[in-house]
Amino acid sequence: MWSGEVARLFAEALRDNPDLHLVVVVPRVPDQEGTFAVTPQYVGR
């Protein structure tokens, strides 16, 4: 769950509908280790 362009769709729905809830279930940490593999994913999420 890491893209601003896609998240904007949910954000607009939340702003337009005050009774709307968004539930998201994601992995706790990325699947691979290493700064180059992990840090860019954290940026997007």
PDB file of all heavy atoms in Angstrom:
ATOM      1  N   MET A   1       0.894  -1.168   0.000  1.00  0.00           N
ATOM      2  CA  MET A   1       0.000   0.000   0.000  1.00  0.00           C
ATOM      3  C   MET A   1       0.923   1.206   0.000  1.00  0.00           C
ATOM      4  O   MET A   1       1.254   1.771   1.030  1.00  0.00           O
ATOM      5  CB  MET A   1      -0.887  -0.020   1.241  1.00  0.00           C
ATOM      6  CG  MET A   1      -1.779   1.195   1.429  1.00  0.00           C
ATOM      7  SD  MET A   1      -3.032   1.371   0.130  1.00  0.00           S
ATOM      8  CE  MET A   1      -3.863   2.840   0.688  1.00  0.00           C
ATOM      9  N   TRP A   2       1.416   1.582  -1.182  1.00  0.00           N
ATOM     10  CA  TRP A   2       2.540   2.520  -1.147  1.00  0.00           C
ATOM     11  C   TRP A   2       2.535   3.541  -2.284  1.00  0.00           C
ATOM     12  O   TRP A   2       3.572   4.094  -2.605  1.00  0.00           O
ATOM     13  CB  TRP A   2       3.851   1.757  -1.159  1.00  0.00           C
ATOM     14  CG  TRP A   2       4.120   0.916  -2.379  1.00  0.00           C
ATOM     15  CD1 TRP A   2       3.440   0.865  -3.553  1.00  0.00           C
ATOM     16  CD2 TRP A   2       5.198   0.001  -2.531  1.00  0.00           C
ATOM     17  NE1 TRP A   2       4.010  -0.025  -4.426  1.00  0.00           N
ATOM     18  CE2 TRP A   2       5.104  -0.574  -3.816  1.00  0.00           C
ATOM     19  CE3 TRP A   2       6.257  -0.398  -1.717  1.00  0.00           C
ATOM     20  CZ2 TRP A   2       6.005  -1.522  -4.284  1.00  0.00           C
ATOM     21  CZ3 TRP A   2       7.162  -1.344  -2.197  1.00  0.00           C
ATOM     22  CH2 TRP A   2       7.026  -1.903  -3.454  1.00  0.00           C
ATOM     23  N   SER A   3       1.438   3.840  -2.872  1.00  0.00           N
ATOM     24  CA  SER A   3       1.435   4.770  -3.989  1.00  0.00           C
ATOM     25  C   SER A   3       0.519   5.949  -3.700  1.00  0.00           C
ATOM     26  O   SER A   3      -0.668   5.772  -3.425  1.00  0.00           O
ATOM     27  CB  SER A   3       0.961   4.066  -5.265  1.00  0.00           C
ATOM     28  OG  SER A   3       0.801   4.991  -6.310  1.00  0.00           O
ATOM     29  N   GLY A   4       1.077   7.180  -3.767  1.00  0.00           N
ATOM     30  CA  GLY A   4       0.268   8.362  -3.538  1.00  0.00           C
ATOM     31  C   GLY A   4      -0.850   8.515  -4.547  1.00  0.00           C
ATOM     32  O   GLY A   4      -1.959   8.930  -4.203  1.00  0.00           O
ATOM     33  N   GLU A   5      -0.579   8.175  -5.819  1.00  0.00           N
ATOM     34  CA  GLU A   5      -1.606   8.310  -6.854  1.00  0.00           C
ATOM     35  C   GLU A   5      -2.807   7.424  -6.564  1.00  0.00           C
ATOM     36  O   GLU A   5      -3.955   7.812  -6.775  1.00  0.00           O
ATOM     37  CB  GLU A   5      -1.029   7.965  -8.232  1.00  0.00           C
ATOM     38  CG  GLU A   5      -0.190   9.070  -8.837  1.00  0.00           C
ATOM     39  CD  GLU A   5       1.246   9.037  -8.338  1.00  0.00           C
ATOM     40  OE1 GLU A   5       1.521   8.298  -7.373  1.00  0.00           O
ATOM     41  OE2 GLU A   5       2.087   9.756  -8.903  1.00  0.00           O
ATOM     42  N   VAL A   6      -2.555   6.207  -6.073  1.00  0.00           N
ATOM     43  CA  VAL A   6      -3.649   5.303  -5.751  1.00  0.00           C
ATOM     44  C   VAL A   6      -4.306   5.710  -4.438  1.00  0.00           C
ATOM     45  O   VAL A   6      -5.531   5.701  -4.296  1.00  0.00           O
ATOM     46  CB  VAL A   6      -3.148   3.852  -5.696  1.00  0.00           C
ATOM     47  CG1 VAL A   6      -4.268   2.916  -5.267  1.00  0.00           C
ATOM     48  CG2 VAL A   6      -2.599   3.429  -7.059  1.00  0.00           C
ATOM     49  N   ALA A   7      -3.490   6.110  -3.450  1.00  0.00           N
ATOM     50  CA  ALA A   7      -4.041   6.521  -2.155  1.00  0.00           C
ATOM     51  C   ALA A   7      -4.950   7.731  -2.302  1.00  0.00           C
ATOM     52  O   ALA A   7      -5.901   7.911  -1.521  1.00  0.00           O
ATOM     53  CB  ALA A   7      -2.905   6.839  -1.186  1.00  0.00           C
ATOM     54  N   ARG A   8      -4.683   8.582  -3.293  1.00  0.00           N
ATOM     55  CA  ARG A   8      -5.520   9.764  -3.502  1.00  0.00           C
ATOM     56  C   ARG A   8      -6.977   9.376  -3.750  1.00  0.00           C
ATOM     57  O   ARG A   8      -7.906  10.089  -3.344  1.00  0.00           O
ATOM     58  CB  ARG A   8      -4.971  10.588  -4.664  1.00  0.00           C
ATOM     59  CG  ARG A   8      -5.636  11.952  -4.815  1.00  0.00           C
ATOM     60  CD  ARG A   8      -4.912  12.791  -5.858  1.00  0.00           C
ATOM     61  NE  ARG A   8      -3.556  13.112  -5.418  1.00  0.00           N
ATOM     62  CZ  ARG A   8      -2.448  12.657  -5.996  1.00  0.00           C
ATOM     63  NH1 ARG A   8      -2.523  11.841  -7.053  1.00  0.00           N
ATOM     64  NH2 ARG A   8      -1.258  12.990  -5.544  1.00  0.00           N
ATOM     65  N   LEU A   9      -7.185   8.239  -4.411  1.00  0.00           N
ATOM     66  CA  LEU A   9      -8.549   7.758  -4.656  1.00  0.00           C
ATOM     67  C   LEU A   9      -9.269   7.496  -3.335  1.00  0.00           C
ATOM     68  O   LEU A   9     -10.427   7.894  -3.148  1.00  0.00           O
ATOM     69  CB  LEU A   9      -8.475   6.482  -5.498  1.00  0.00           C
ATOM     70  CG  LEU A   9      -9.768   5.748  -5.797  1.00  0.00           C
ATOM     71  CD1 LEU A   9     -10.646   6.577  -6.712  1.00  0.00           C
ATOM     72  CD2 LEU A   9      -9.458   4.397  -6.454  1.00  0.00           C
ATOM     73  N   PHE A  10      -8.589   6.839  -2.394  1.00  0.00           N
ATOM     74  CA  PHE A  10      -9.190   6.560  -1.089  1.00  0.00           C
ATOM     75  C   PHE A  10      -9.366   7.843  -0.287  1.00  0.00           C
ATOM     76  O   PHE A  10     -10.371   8.023   0.413  1.00  0.00           O
ATOM     77  CB  PHE A  10      -8.321   5.572  -0.321  1.00  0.00           C
ATOM     78  CG  PHE A  10      -8.200   4.239  -0.985  1.00  0.00           C
ATOM     79  CD1 PHE A  10      -7.055   3.892  -1.674  1.00  0.00           C
ATOM     80  CD2 PHE A  10      -9.238   3.323  -0.933  1.00  0.00           C
ATOM     81  CE1 PHE A  10      -6.931   2.660  -2.294  1.00  0.00           C
ATOM     82  CE2 PHE A  10      -9.133   2.095  -1.550  1.00  0.00           C
ATOM     83  CZ  PHE A  10      -7.977   1.763  -2.238  1.00  0.00           C
ATOM     84  N   ALA A  11      -8.383   8.745  -0.379  1.00  0.00           N
ATOM     85  CA  ALA A  11      -8.460  10.001   0.369  1.00  0.00           C
ATOM     86  C   ALA A  11      -9.670  10.818  -0.077  1.00  0.00           C
ATOM     87  O   ALA A  11     -10.388  11.400   0.757  1.00  0.00           O
ATOM     88  CB  ALA A  11      -7.170  10.793   0.194  1.00  0.00           C
ATOM     89  N   GLU A  12      -9.914  10.872  -1.370  1.00  0.00           N
ATOM     90  CA  GLU A  12     -11.066  11.625  -1.867  1.00  0.00           C
ATOM     91  C   GLU A  12     -12.372  10.987  -1.393  1.00  0.00           C
ATOM     92  O   GLU A  12     -13.324  11.704  -1.027  1.00  0.00           O
ATOM     93  CB  GLU A  12     -11.018  11.691  -3.387  1.00  0.00           C
ATOM     94  CG  GLU A  12      -9.888  12.567  -3.921  1.00  0.00           C
ATOM     95  CD  GLU A  12      -9.733  12.475  -5.428  1.00  0.00           C
ATOM     96  OE1 GLU A  12     -10.440  11.652  -6.056  1.00  0.00           O
ATOM     97  OE2 GLU A  12      -8.900  13.232  -5.982  1.00  0.00           O
ATOM     98  N   ALA A  13     -12.428   9.658  -1.383  1.00  0.00           N
ATOM     99  CA  ALA A  13     -13.637   8.984  -0.895  1.00  0.00           C
ATOM    100  C   ALA A  13     -13.855   9.269   0.588  1.00  0.00           C
ATOM    101  O   ALA A  13     -14.995   9.480   1.033  1.00  0.00           O
ATOM    102  CB  ALA A  13     -13.529   7.480  -1.136  1.00  0.00           C
ATOM    103  N   LEU A  14     -12.787   9.299   1.372  1.00  0.00           N
ATOM    104  CA  LEU A  14     -12.905   9.596   2.803  1.00  0.00           C
ATOM    105  C   LEU A  14     -13.379  11.029   3.030  1.00  0.00           C
ATOM    106  O   LEU A  14     -14.209  11.289   3.915  1.00  0.00           O
ATOM    107  CB  LEU A  14     -11.558   9.364   3.489  1.00  0.00           C
ATOM    108  CG  LEU A  14     -11.124   7.900   3.645  1.00  0.00           C
ATOM    109  CD1 LEU A  14      -9.633   7.803   3.918  1.00  0.00           C
ATOM    110  CD2 LEU A  14     -11.920   7.231   4.772  1.00  0.00           C
ATOM    111  N   ARG A  15     -12.858  11.971   2.255  1.00  0.00           N
ATOM    112  CA  ARG A  15     -13.283  13.369   2.409  1.00  0.00           C
ATOM    113  C   ARG A  15     -14.743  13.559   2.007  1.00  0.00           C
ATOM    114  O   ARG A  15     -15.475  14.329   2.632  1.00  0.00           O
ATOM    115  CB  ARG A  15     -12.388  14.285   1.569  1.00  0.00           C
ATOM    116  CG  ARG A  15     -11.065  14.634   2.237  1.00  0.00           C
ATOM    117  CD  ARG A  15     -10.372  15.764   1.507  1.00  0.00           C
ATOM    118  NE  ARG A  15      -9.963  15.367   0.160  1.00  0.00           N
ATOM    119  CZ  ARG A  15      -8.770  14.872  -0.140  1.00  0.00           C
ATOM    120  NH1 ARG A  15      -7.860  14.705   0.817  1.00  0.00           N
ATOM    121  NH2 ARG A  15      -8.476  14.536  -1.378  1.00  0.00           N
ATOM    122  N   ASP A  16     -15.167  12.854   0.983  1.00  0.00           N
ATOM    123  CA  ASP A  16     -16.527  13.038   0.463  1.00  0.00           C
ATOM    124  C   ASP A  16     -17.587  12.326   1.306  1.00  0.00           C
ATOM    125  O   ASP A  16     -18.784  12.650   1.184  1.00  0.00           O
ATOM    126  CB  ASP A  16     -16.619  12.533  -0.977  1.00  0.00           C
ATOM    127  CG  ASP A  16     -15.801  13.373  -1.950  1.00  0.00           C
ATOM    128  OD1 ASP A  16     -15.429  14.513  -1.583  1.00  0.00           O
ATOM    129  OD2 ASP A  16     -15.517  12.883  -3.054  1.00  0.00           O
ATOM    130  N   ASN A  17     -17.172  11.347   2.114  1.00  0.00           N
ATOM    131  CA  ASN A  17     -18.139  10.523   2.835  1.00  0.00           C
ATOM    132  C   ASN A  17     -17.732  10.426   4.308  1.00  0.00           C
ATOM    133  O   ASN A  17     -16.901   9.582   4.676  1.00  0.00           O
ATOM    134  CB  ASN A  17     -18.208   9.121   2.217  1.00  0.00           C
ATOM    135  CG  ASN A  17     -18.619   9.142   0.759  1.00  0.00           C
ATOM    136  OD1 ASN A  17     -19.793   9.248   0.437  1.00  0.00           O
ATOM    137  ND2 ASN A  17     -17.646   9.053  -0.136  1.00  0.00           N
ATOM    138  N   PRO A  18     -18.303  11.248   5.165  1.00  0.00           N
ATOM    139  CA  PRO A  18     -17.856  11.311   6.562  1.00  0.00           C
ATOM    140  C   PRO A  18     -18.121  10.054   7.371  1.00  0.00           C
ATOM    141  O   PRO A  18     -17.563   9.905   8.464  1.00  0.00           O
ATOM    142  CB  PRO A  18     -18.643  12.508   7.118  1.00  0.00           C
ATOM    143  CG  PRO A  18     -19.800  12.693   6.190  1.00  0.00           C
ATOM    144  CD  PRO A  18     -19.319  12.261   4.844  1.00  0.00           C
ATOM    145  N   ASP A  19     -18.942   9.125   6.873  1.00  0.00           N
ATOM    146  CA  ASP A  19     -19.189   7.865   7.586  1.00  0.00           C
ATOM    147  C   ASP A  19     -18.322   6.722   7.073  1.00  0.00           C
ATOM    148  O   ASP A  19     -18.454   5.587   7.533  1.00  0.00           O
ATOM    149  CB  ASP A  19     -20.662   7.466   7.456  1.00  0.00           C
ATOM    150  CG  ASP A  19     -21.593   8.435   8.159  1.00  0.00           C
ATOM    151  OD1 ASP A  19     -21.182   9.003   9.192  1.00  0.00           O
ATOM    152  OD2 ASP A  19     -22.726   8.623   7.676  1.00  0.00           O
ATOM    153  N   LEU A  20     -17.448   7.010   6.110  1.00  0.00           N
ATOM    154  CA  LEU A  20     -16.642   5.958   5.492  1.00  0.00           C
ATOM    155  C   LEU A  20     -15.416   5.631   6.341  1.00  0.00           C
ATOM    156  O   LEU A  20     -14.705   6.529   6.788  1.00  0.00           O
ATOM    157  CB  LEU A  20     -16.196   6.391   4.096  1.00  0.00           C
ATOM    158  CG  LEU A  20     -15.296   5.421   3.320  1.00  0.00           C
ATOM    159  CD1 LEU A  20     -16.029   4.115   3.036  1.00  0.00           C
ATOM    160  CD2 LEU A  20     -14.808   6.063   2.027  1.00  0.00           C
ATOM    161  N   HIS A  21     -15.160   4.343   6.536  1.00  0.00           N
ATOM    162  CA  HIS A  21     -13.949   3.858   7.195  1.00  0.00           C
ATOM    163  C   HIS A  21     -13.127   3.056   6.189  1.00  0.00           C
ATOM    164  O   HIS A  21     -13.678   2.328   5.351  1.00  0.00           O
ATOM    165  CB  HIS A  21     -14.281   2.963   8.384  1.00  0.00           C
ATOM    166  CG  HIS A  21     -14.818   3.720   9.568  1.00  0.00           C
ATOM    167  ND1 HIS A  21     -14.053   4.041  10.660  1.00  0.00           N
ATOM    168  CD2 HIS A  21     -16.057   4.223   9.817  1.00  0.00           C
ATOM    169  CE1 HIS A  21     -14.778   4.703  11.536  1.00  0.00           C
ATOM    170  NE2 HIS A  21     -16.006   4.827  11.054  1.00  0.00           N
ATOM    171  N   LEU A  22     -11.817   3.188   6.301  1.00  0.00           N
ATOM    172  CA  LEU A  22     -10.875   2.434   5.474  1.00  0.00           C
ATOM    173  C   LEU A  22     -10.064   1.517   6.378  1.00  0.00           C
ATOM    174  O   LEU A  22      -9.395   1.989   7.307  1.00  0.00           O
ATOM    175  CB  LEU A  22      -9.943   3.383   4.721  1.00  0.00           C
ATOM    176  CG  LEU A  22      -8.771   2.751   3.954  1.00  0.00           C
ATOM    177  CD1 LEU A  22      -9.280   1.869   2.814  1.00  0.00           C
ATOM    178  CD2 LEU A  22      -7.835   3.833   3.406  1.00  0.00           C
ATOM    179  N   VAL A  23     -10.127   0.219   6.138  1.00  0.00           N
ATOM    180  CA  VAL A  23      -9.344  -0.780   6.872  1.00  0.00           C
ATOM    181  C   VAL A  23      -8.333  -1.382   5.913  1.00  0.00           C
ATOM    182  O   VAL A  23      -8.699  -1.847   4.827  1.00  0.00           O
ATOM    183  CB  VAL A  23     -10.248  -1.885   7.451  1.00  0.00           C
ATOM    184  CG1 VAL A  23      -9.402  -2.992   8.078  1.00  0.00           C
ATOM    185  CG2 VAL A  23     -11.211  -1.299   8.477  1.00  0.00           C
ATOM    186  N   VAL A  24      -7.059  -1.360   6.303  1.00  0.00           N
ATOM    187  CA  VAL A  24      -5.991  -1.878   5.454  1.00  0.00           C
ATOM    188  C   VAL A  24      -5.149  -2.858   6.268  1.00  0.00           C
ATOM    189  O   VAL A  24      -4.699  -2.529   7.379  1.00  0.00           O
ATOM    190  CB  VAL A  24      -5.080  -0.750   4.934  1.00  0.00           C
ATOM    191  CG1 VAL A  24      -4.075  -1.303   3.933  1.00  0.00           C
ATOM    192  CG2 VAL A  24      -5.899   0.360   4.300  1.00  0.00           C
ATOM    193  N   VAL A  25      -4.930  -4.061   5.734  1.00  0.00           N
ATOM    194  CA  VAL A  25      -4.067  -5.073   6.353  1.00  0.00           C
ATOM    195  C   VAL A  25      -2.848  -5.264   5.461  1.00  0.00           C
ATOM    196  O   VAL A  25      -2.992  -5.601   4.279  1.00  0.00           O
ATOM    197  CB  VAL A  25      -4.815  -6.405   6.547  1.00  0.00           C
ATOM    198  CG1 VAL A  25      -3.913  -7.444   7.221  1.00  0.00           C
ATOM    199  CG2 VAL A  25      -6.086  -6.189   7.377  1.00  0.00           C
ATOM    200  N   VAL A  26      -1.660  -5.012   6.008  1.00  0.00           N
ATOM    201  CA  VAL A  26      -0.413  -5.009   5.239  1.00  0.00           C
ATOM    202  C   VAL A  26       0.644  -5.843   5.957  1.00  0.00           C
ATOM    203  O   VAL A  26       0.483  -6.189   7.125  1.00  0.00           O
ATOM    204  CB  VAL A  26       0.107  -3.567   5.044  1.00  0.00           C
ATOM    205  CG1 VAL A  26      -0.850  -2.744   4.205  1.00  0.00           C
ATOM    206  CG2 VAL A  26       0.363  -2.892   6.399  1.00  0.00           C
ATOM    207  N   PRO A  27       1.763  -6.170   5.289  1.00  0.00           N
ATOM    208  CA  PRO A  27       2.869  -6.829   5.992  1.00  0.00           C
ATOM    209  C   PRO A  27       3.509  -5.865   6.999  1.00  0.00           C
ATOM    210  O   PRO A  27       3.516  -4.650   6.803  1.00  0.00           O
ATOM    211  CB  PRO A  27       3.853  -7.170   4.870  1.00  0.00           C
ATOM    212  CG  PRO A  27       3.090  -7.030   3.602  1.00  0.00           C
ATOM    213  CD  PRO A  27       2.028  -6.010   3.861  1.00  0.00           C
ATOM    214  N   ARG A  28       4.064  -6.429   8.064  1.00  0.00           N
ATOM    215  CA  ARG A  28       4.726  -5.587   9.065  1.00  0.00           C
ATOM    216  C   ARG A  28       5.997  -4.971   8.510  1.00  0.00           C
ATOM    217  O   ARG A  28       6.263  -3.778   8.715  1.00  0.00           O
ATOM    218  CB  ARG A  28       5.049  -6.414  10.317  1.00  0.00           C
ATOM    219  CG  ARG A  28       5.678  -5.604  11.453  1.00  0.00           C
ATOM    220  CD  ARG A  28       5.764  -6.425  12.725  1.00  0.00           C
ATOM    221  NE  ARG A  28       4.425  -6.838  13.157  1.00  0.00           N
ATOM    222  CZ  ARG A  28       4.204  -7.722  14.132  1.00  0.00           C
ATOM    223  NH1 ARG A  28       5.225  -8.297  14.757  1.00  0.00           N
ATOM    224  NH2 ARG A  28       2.976  -8.030  14.483  1.00  0.00           N
ATOM    225  N   VAL A  29       6.809  -5.763   7.823  1.00  0.00           N
ATOM    226  CA  VAL A  29       8.053  -5.273   7.225  1.00  0.00           C
ATOM    227  C   VAL A  29       8.148  -5.828   5.811  1.00  0.00           C
ATOM    228  O   VAL A  29       7.516  -6.832   5.473  1.00  0.00           O
ATOM    229  CB  VAL A  29       9.298  -5.700   8.048  1.00  0.00           C
ATOM    230  CG1 VAL A  29       9.271  -5.069   9.428  1.00  0.00           C
ATOM    231  CG2 VAL A  29       9.387  -7.220   8.163  1.00  0.00           C
ATOM    232  N   PRO A  30       8.944  -5.196   4.924  1.00  0.00           N
ATOM    233  CA  PRO A  30       9.116  -5.723   3.571  1.00  0.00           C
ATOM    234  C   PRO A  30       9.695  -7.133   3.581  1.00  0.00           C
ATOM    235  O   PRO A  30      10.277  -7.589   4.572  1.00  0.00           O
ATOM    236  CB  PRO A  30      10.074  -4.721   2.926  1.00  0.00           C
ATOM    237  CG  PRO A  30       9.855  -3.454   3.687  1.00  0.00           C
ATOM    238  CD  PRO A  30       9.597  -3.885   5.106  1.00  0.00           C
ATOM    239  N   ASP A  31       9.568  -7.804   2.449  1.00  0.00           N
ATOM    240  CA  ASP A  31       9.982  -9.208   2.384  1.00  0.00           C
ATOM    241  C   ASP A  31      11.488  -9.377   2.346  1.00  0.00           C
ATOM    242  O   ASP A  31      12.000 -10.436   2.742  1.00  0.00           O
ATOM    243  CB  ASP A  31       9.343  -9.905   1.172  1.00  0.00           C
ATOM    244  CG  ASP A  31       9.644  -9.199  -0.133  1.00  0.00           C
ATOM    245  OD1 ASP A  31       9.973  -8.001  -0.106  1.00  0.00           O
ATOM    246  OD2 ASP A  31       9.545  -9.849  -1.195  1.00  0.00           O
ATOM    247  N   GLN A  32      12.219  -8.369   1.880  1.00  0.00           N
ATOM    248  CA  GLN A  32      13.666  -8.485   1.771  1.00  0.00           C
ATOM    249  C   GLN A  32      14.359  -7.451   2.657  1.00  0.00           C
ATOM    250  O   GLN A  32      13.806  -6.400   2.963  1.00  0.00           O
ATOM    251  CB  GLN A  32      14.114  -8.303   0.318  1.00  0.00           C
ATOM    252  CG  GLN A  32      13.536  -9.325  -0.643  1.00  0.00           C
ATOM    253  CD  GLN A  32      13.929 -10.754  -0.310  1.00  0.00           C
ATOM    254  OE1 GLN A  32      15.068 -11.009   0.106  1.00  0.00           O
ATOM    255  NE2 GLN A  32      13.002 -11.685  -0.494  1.00  0.00           N
ATOM    256  N   GLU A  33      15.578  -7.779   3.077  1.00  0.00           N
ATOM    257  CA  GLU A  33      16.351  -6.885   3.926  1.00  0.00           C
ATOM    258  C   GLU A  33      17.279  -6.015   3.077  1.00  0.00           C
ATOM    259  O   GLU A  33      17.427  -6.225   1.882  1.00  0.00           O
ATOM    260  CB  GLU A  33      17.172  -7.700   4.931  1.00  0.00           C
ATOM    261  CG  GLU A  33      16.310  -8.473   5.917  1.00  0.00           C
ATOM    262  CD  GLU A  33      17.137  -9.335   6.852  1.00  0.00           C
ATOM    263  OE1 GLU A  33      18.192  -9.845   6.402  1.00  0.00           O
ATOM    264  OE2 GLU A  33      16.740  -9.490   8.016  1.00  0.00           O
ATOM    265  N   GLY A  34      17.895  -5.038   3.734  1.00  0.00           N
ATOM    266  CA  GLY A  34      18.837  -4.165   3.057  1.00  0.00           C
ATOM    267  C   GLY A  34      18.261  -2.784   2.849  1.00  0.00           C
ATOM    268  O   GLY A  34      17.087  -2.640   2.480  1.00  0.00           O
ATOM    269  N   THR A  35      19.068  -1.781   3.071  1.00  0.00           N
ATOM    270  CA  THR A  35      18.599  -0.397   2.980  1.00  0.00           C
ATOM    271  C   THR A  35      18.019  -0.083   1.621  1.00  0.00           C
ATOM    272  O   THR A  35      16.957   0.560   1.511  1.00  0.00           O
ATOM    273  CB  THR A  35      19.770   0.569   3.281  1.00  0.00           C
ATOM    274  OG1 THR A  35      20.264   0.287   4.592  1.00  0.00           O
ATOM    275  CG2 THR A  35      19.317   2.008   3.203  1.00  0.00           C
ATOM    276  N   PHE A  36      18.670  -0.536   0.560  1.00  0.00           N
ATOM    277  CA  PHE A  36      18.207  -0.197  -0.782  1.00  0.00           C
ATOM    278  C   PHE A  36      16.871  -0.862  -1.088  1.00  0.00           C
ATOM    279  O   PHE A  36      16.047  -0.321  -1.823  1.00  0.00           O
ATOM    280  CB  PHE A  36      19.251  -0.621  -1.817  1.00  0.00           C
ATOM    281  CG  PHE A  36      18.988  -0.069  -3.189  1.00  0.00           C
ATOM    282  CD1 PHE A  36      19.351   1.232  -3.514  1.00  0.00           C
ATOM    283  CD2 PHE A  36      18.368  -0.834  -4.161  1.00  0.00           C
ATOM    284  CE1 PHE A  36      19.104   1.756  -4.781  1.00  0.00           C
ATOM    285  CE2 PHE A  36      18.117  -0.335  -5.427  1.00  0.00           C
ATOM    286  CZ  PHE A  36      18.491   0.972  -5.735  1.00  0.00           C
ATOM    287  N   ALA A  37      16.638  -2.056  -0.506  1.00  0.00           N
ATOM    288  CA  ALA A  37      15.376  -2.760  -0.749  1.00  0.00           C
ATOM    289  C   ALA A  37      14.243  -2.212   0.113  1.00  0.00           C
ATOM    290  O   ALA A  37      13.094  -2.131  -0.324  1.00  0.00           O
ATOM    291  CB  ALA A  37      15.550  -4.254  -0.481  1.00  0.00           C
ATOM    292  N   VAL A  38      14.561  -1.799   1.350  1.00  0.00           N
ATOM    293  CA  VAL A  38      13.528  -1.466   2.325  1.00  0.00           C
ATOM    294  C   VAL A  38      13.135   0.003   2.293  1.00  0.00           C
ATOM    295  O   VAL A  38      11.941   0.347   2.267  1.00  0.00           O
ATOM    296  CB  VAL A  38      14.015  -1.855   3.740  1.00  0.00           C
ATOM    297  CG1 VAL A  38      13.089  -1.289   4.808  1.00  0.00           C
ATOM    298  CG2 VAL A  38      14.115  -3.374   3.862  1.00  0.00           C
ATOM    299  N   THR A  39      14.112   0.896   2.288  1.00  0.00           N
ATOM    300  CA  THR A  39      13.815   2.321   2.480  1.00  0.00           C
ATOM    301  C   THR A  39      12.901   2.899   1.414  1.00  0.00           C
ATOM    302  O   THR A  39      11.948   3.626   1.741  1.00  0.00           O
ATOM    303  CB  THR A  39      15.127   3.128   2.567  1.00  0.00           C
ATOM    304  OG1 THR A  39      15.968   2.540   3.575  1.00  0.00           O
ATOM    305  CG2 THR A  39      14.857   4.575   2.918  1.00  0.00           C
ATOM    306  N   PRO A  40      13.091   2.616   0.121  1.00  0.00           N
ATOM    307  CA  PRO A  40      12.145   3.155  -0.871  1.00  0.00           C
ATOM    308  C   PRO A  40      10.714   2.675  -0.650  1.00  0.00           C
ATOM    309  O   PRO A  40       9.763   3.419  -0.916  1.00  0.00           O
ATOM    310  CB  PRO A  40      12.718   2.658  -2.196  1.00  0.00           C
ATOM    311  CG  PRO A  40      14.177   2.463  -1.933  1.00  0.00           C
ATOM    312  CD  PRO A  40      14.245   1.956  -0.528  1.00  0.00           C
ATOM    313  N   GLN A  41      10.538   1.446  -0.161  1.00  0.00           N
ATOM    314  CA  GLN A  41       9.188   0.979   0.129  1.00  0.00           C
ATOM    315  C   GLN A  41       8.560   1.800   1.251  1.00  0.00           C
ATOM    316  O   GLN A  41       7.365   2.130   1.204  1.00  0.00           O
ATOM    317  CB  GLN A  41       9.201  -0.499   0.508  1.00  0.00           C
ATOM    318  CG  GLN A  41       9.600  -1.425  -0.623  1.00  0.00           C
ATOM    319  CD  GLN A  41       9.288  -2.880  -0.315  1.00  0.00           C
ATOM    320  OE1 GLN A  41       8.322  -3.180   0.372  1.00  0.00           O
ATOM    321  NE2 GLN A  41      10.102  -3.780  -0.840  1.00  0.00           N
ATOM    322  N   TYR A  42       9.360   2.132   2.272  1.00  0.00           N
ATOM    323  CA  TYR A  42       8.838   2.936   3.371  1.00  0.00           C
ATOM    324  C   TYR A  42       8.427   4.336   2.897  1.00  0.00           C
ATOM    325  O   TYR A  42       7.470   4.916   3.415  1.00  0.00           O
ATOM    326  CB  TYR A  42       9.875   3.049   4.480  1.00  0.00           C
ATOM    327  CG  TYR A  42      10.033   1.803   5.321  1.00  0.00           C
ATOM    328  CD1 TYR A  42      11.243   1.487   5.919  1.00  0.00           C
ATOM    329  CD2 TYR A  42       8.961   0.938   5.521  1.00  0.00           C
ATOM    330  CE1 TYR A  42      11.389   0.349   6.702  1.00  0.00           C
ATOM    331  CE2 TYR A  42       9.099  -0.209   6.286  1.00  0.00           C
ATOM    332  CZ  TYR A  42      10.313  -0.495   6.881  1.00  0.00           C
ATOM    333  OH  TYR A  42      10.441  -1.624   7.642  1.00  0.00           O
ATOM    334  N   VAL A  43       9.139   4.871   1.914  1.00  0.00           N
ATOM    335  CA  VAL A  43       8.761   6.172   1.356  1.00  0.00           C
ATOM    336  C   VAL A  43       7.339   6.118   0.818  1.00  0.00           C
ATOM    337  O   VAL A  43       6.477   6.946   1.148  1.00  0.00           O
ATOM    338  CB  VAL A  43       9.736   6.606   0.238  1.00  0.00           C
ATOM    339  CG1 VAL A  43       9.172   7.784  -0.557  1.00  0.00           C
ATOM    340  CG2 VAL A  43      11.090   6.981   0.819  1.00  0.00           C
ATOM    341  N   GLY A  44       7.083   5.123  -0.031  1.00  0.00           N
ATOM    342  CA  GLY A  44       5.769   5.030  -0.648  1.00  0.00           C
ATOM    343  C   GLY A  44       4.672   4.726   0.345  1.00  0.00           C
ATOM    344  O   GLY A  44       3.579   5.309   0.285  1.00  0.00           O
ATOM    345  N   ARG A  45       4.923   3.818   1.276  1.00  0.00           N
ATOM    346  CA  ARG A  45       3.880   3.450   2.236  1.00  0.00           C
ATOM    347  C   ARG A  45       3.551   4.619   3.151  1.00  0.00           C
ATOM    348  O   ARG A  45       2.379   4.879   3.436  1.00  0.00           O
ATOM    349  CB  ARG A  45       4.308   2.234   3.057  1.00  0.00           C
ATOM    350  CG  ARG A  45       3.264   1.831   4.080  1.00  0.00           C
ATOM    351  CD  ARG A  45       3.544   0.491   4.702  1.00  0.00           C
ATOM    352  NE  ARG A  45       3.378  -0.570   3.724  1.00  0.00           N
ATOM    353  CZ  ARG A  45       3.542  -1.864   3.997  1.00  0.00           C
ATOM    354  NH1 ARG A  45       3.896  -2.246   5.196  1.00  0.00           N
ATOM    355  NH2 ARG A  45       3.368  -2.765   3.057  1.00  0.00           N
TER     356      ARG A  45
END
